[in-house]
Protein backbone atom coordinates (compact mmCIF):
# COMPACT_ATOMS: atom_id res chain seq x y z
CA MET A 1 -143.71 131.30 43.61
CA ARG A 2 -142.90 134.69 42.11
CA ASP A 3 -140.20 137.18 43.05
CA ALA A 4 -140.57 140.97 43.29
CA ASN A 5 -140.33 141.34 39.47
CA GLY A 6 -143.11 138.82 38.89
CA ALA A 7 -140.77 136.18 37.47
CA ASP A 8 -141.33 132.51 38.24
CA LYS A 9 -138.89 130.87 40.60
CA GLY A 10 -138.00 127.32 41.31
CA LEU A 11 -138.91 124.16 39.49
CA VAL A 12 -142.12 125.47 37.90
CA GLY A 13 -140.38 128.50 36.41
CA SER A 14 -137.50 126.41 35.08
CA SER A 15 -139.93 123.92 33.58
CA ARG A 16 -141.88 126.67 31.83
CA ARG A 17 -138.72 128.21 30.39
CA ILE A 18 -137.53 124.81 29.17
CA LEU A 19 -140.89 124.08 27.56
CA ARG A 20 -140.95 127.48 25.84
CA THR A 21 -137.40 126.89 24.57
CA VAL A 22 -138.25 123.39 23.31
CA ALA A 23 -141.43 124.67 21.61
CA ALA A 24 -139.54 127.51 19.90
CA LEU A 25 -136.82 125.09 18.83
CA ALA A 26 -139.36 122.63 17.41
CA GLN A 27 -141.16 125.41 15.54
CA ASN A 28 -137.86 126.66 14.10
CA ARG A 29 -136.86 123.19 12.92
CA LEU A 30 -140.29 122.54 11.42
CA GLU A 31 -140.11 125.79 9.47
CA LEU A 32 -136.65 124.83 8.21
CA LEU A 33 -137.94 121.41 7.16
CA LEU A 34 -140.85 122.96 5.25
CA VAL A 35 -138.56 125.42 3.45
CA GLU A 36 -136.23 122.61 2.46
CA TRP A 37 -139.21 120.52 1.32
CA GLN A 38 -140.28 123.33 -1.02
CA GLU A 39 -136.72 123.72 -2.33
CA GLU A 40 -136.36 119.99 -2.96
CA ARG A 41 -139.71 119.83 -4.73
CA SER A 42 -138.84 122.77 -6.97
CA ARG A 43 -135.39 121.38 -7.68
CA MET A 44 -136.82 117.96 -8.57
CA PHE A 45 -139.42 119.44 -10.91
CA GLU A 46 -136.78 121.58 -12.62
CA MET A 47 -134.48 118.57 -13.02
CA LEU A 48 -137.27 116.49 -14.53
CA LEU A 49 -138.13 119.21 -17.04
CA LEU A 50 -134.50 119.64 -18.03
CA ALA A 51 -134.01 115.89 -18.32
CA ALA A 52 -137.11 115.51 -20.50
CA GLY A 53 -135.94 118.30 -22.81
CA ALA A 54 -132.44 116.89 -23.01
CA VAL A 55 -133.71 113.40 -23.75
CA ALA A 56 -136.09 114.61 -26.47
CA CYS A 57 -133.40 116.69 -28.20
CA SER A 58 -130.80 113.96 -27.86
CA LEU A 59 -133.11 111.37 -29.39
CA MET A 60 -133.88 113.62 -32.33
CA ALA A 61 -130.17 114.26 -32.90
CA LEU A 62 -129.31 110.56 -32.62
CA ILE A 63 -132.03 109.58 -35.05
CA THR A 64 -130.89 112.20 -37.57
CA ILE A 65 -127.21 111.30 -37.31
CA SER A 66 -127.93 107.59 -37.43
CA TYR A 67 -130.05 107.99 -40.54
CA LEU A 68 -127.36 110.13 -42.15
CA LEU A 69 -124.65 107.55 -41.44
CA VAL A 70 -126.72 104.62 -42.70
CA VAL A 71 -127.62 106.46 -45.91
CA ALA A 72 -124.08 107.81 -46.45
CA VAL A 73 -122.31 104.44 -46.41
CA GLY A 74 -122.70 101.98 -49.20
CA GLU A 75 -125.23 99.17 -49.12
CA ASP A 76 -122.49 96.68 -48.25
CA TYR A 77 -121.66 98.38 -44.92
CA ARG A 78 -125.11 99.39 -43.69
CA SER A 79 -125.52 96.45 -41.32
CA ALA A 80 -122.03 97.03 -39.86
CA VAL A 81 -122.84 100.71 -39.28
CA LEU A 82 -126.14 99.82 -37.60
CA VAL A 83 -124.41 97.30 -35.31
CA GLY A 84 -121.73 99.87 -34.43
CA LEU A 85 -124.32 102.53 -33.71
CA GLY A 86 -126.31 100.11 -31.56
CA LEU A 87 -123.20 99.24 -29.51
CA ALA A 88 -122.25 102.91 -29.12
CA TYR A 89 -125.77 103.82 -27.96
CA SER A 90 -125.81 100.89 -25.53
CA LEU A 91 -122.48 101.98 -24.05
CA ALA A 92 -123.67 105.59 -23.71
CA ALA A 93 -126.88 104.42 -22.02
CA ALA A 94 -124.93 102.25 -19.57
CA ILE A 95 -122.66 105.17 -18.65
CA ALA A 96 -125.66 107.47 -18.18
CA PHE A 97 -127.47 104.97 -15.93
CA ARG A 98 -124.32 104.45 -13.85
CA GLN A 99 -123.94 108.21 -13.38
CA LEU A 100 -127.61 108.55 -12.47
CA SER A 101 -127.46 105.76 -9.89
CA ALA A 102 -124.29 107.24 -8.34
CA ARG A 103 -125.93 110.65 -8.00
CA LEU A 104 -129.11 109.20 -6.53
CA ARG A 105 -127.07 107.16 -4.05
CA ASP A 106 -125.15 110.28 -2.89
CA TRP A 107 -128.24 112.52 -2.77
CA GLN A 108 -128.88 113.94 0.69
CA ALA A 109 -132.27 115.54 1.00
CA PHE A 110 -132.99 117.78 3.99
CA SER A 111 -129.30 117.97 4.91
CA ALA A 112 -129.63 121.36 6.63
CA THR A 113 -132.50 120.15 8.80
CA LEU A 114 -130.59 117.02 9.79
CA ALA A 115 -127.48 119.05 10.59
CA GLU A 116 -129.47 121.42 12.79
CA LEU A 117 -131.12 118.51 14.62
CA LYS A 118 -127.69 116.96 15.27
CA LYS A 119 -126.43 120.28 16.64
CA ASP A 120 -129.52 120.50 18.86
CA CYS A 121 -128.93 117.00 20.23
CA ALA A 122 -125.27 117.79 20.91
CA TRP A 123 -126.28 121.01 22.69
CA LEU A 124 -128.86 119.19 24.80
CA ASP A 125 -126.32 116.49 25.71
CA GLU A 126 -123.83 119.19 26.71
CA LYS A 127 -126.44 120.97 28.84
CA SER A 128 -127.56 117.78 30.54
CA GLU A 129 -123.94 116.89 31.37
CA LYS A 130 -123.38 120.34 32.88
CA ASN A 131 -126.59 120.07 34.91
CA SER A 132 -125.73 116.61 36.19
CA ASP A 133 -122.20 117.78 37.10
CA SER A 134 -123.53 120.83 38.98
CA ALA A 135 -126.20 118.73 40.73
CA SER A 136 -123.64 116.17 41.94
CA ARG A 137 -121.41 118.86 43.51
CA PRO A 138 -122.16 119.71 47.14
């Protein structure tokens, strides 16, 4: 049924408006998800490139410094210096792996999309409570 302005009335009109709202909401959230996907992919690629460069430069520096230390000490202390360097490198590697695992554990991808979906669910719950309260009143 339509009124004088041509607008839908009743259950059919309400259903159409709800469906249009849900479709627009889904499209909005999908667009947000795709934008965040692109950002995460770019961020991950950038992090991998930086990590590869840092690792390569660090290895070259460690090799050079290790060689310098081994050559600089006398022949009597070379094995002690190599053992000390090996322990120091092992400790540094353990600390780096611990930091990496902590950051990966705390990483929250798509946090904005999830937050928006939670807000949408809360809004829908609020609306359904209001509708059920108004429907139960005489």
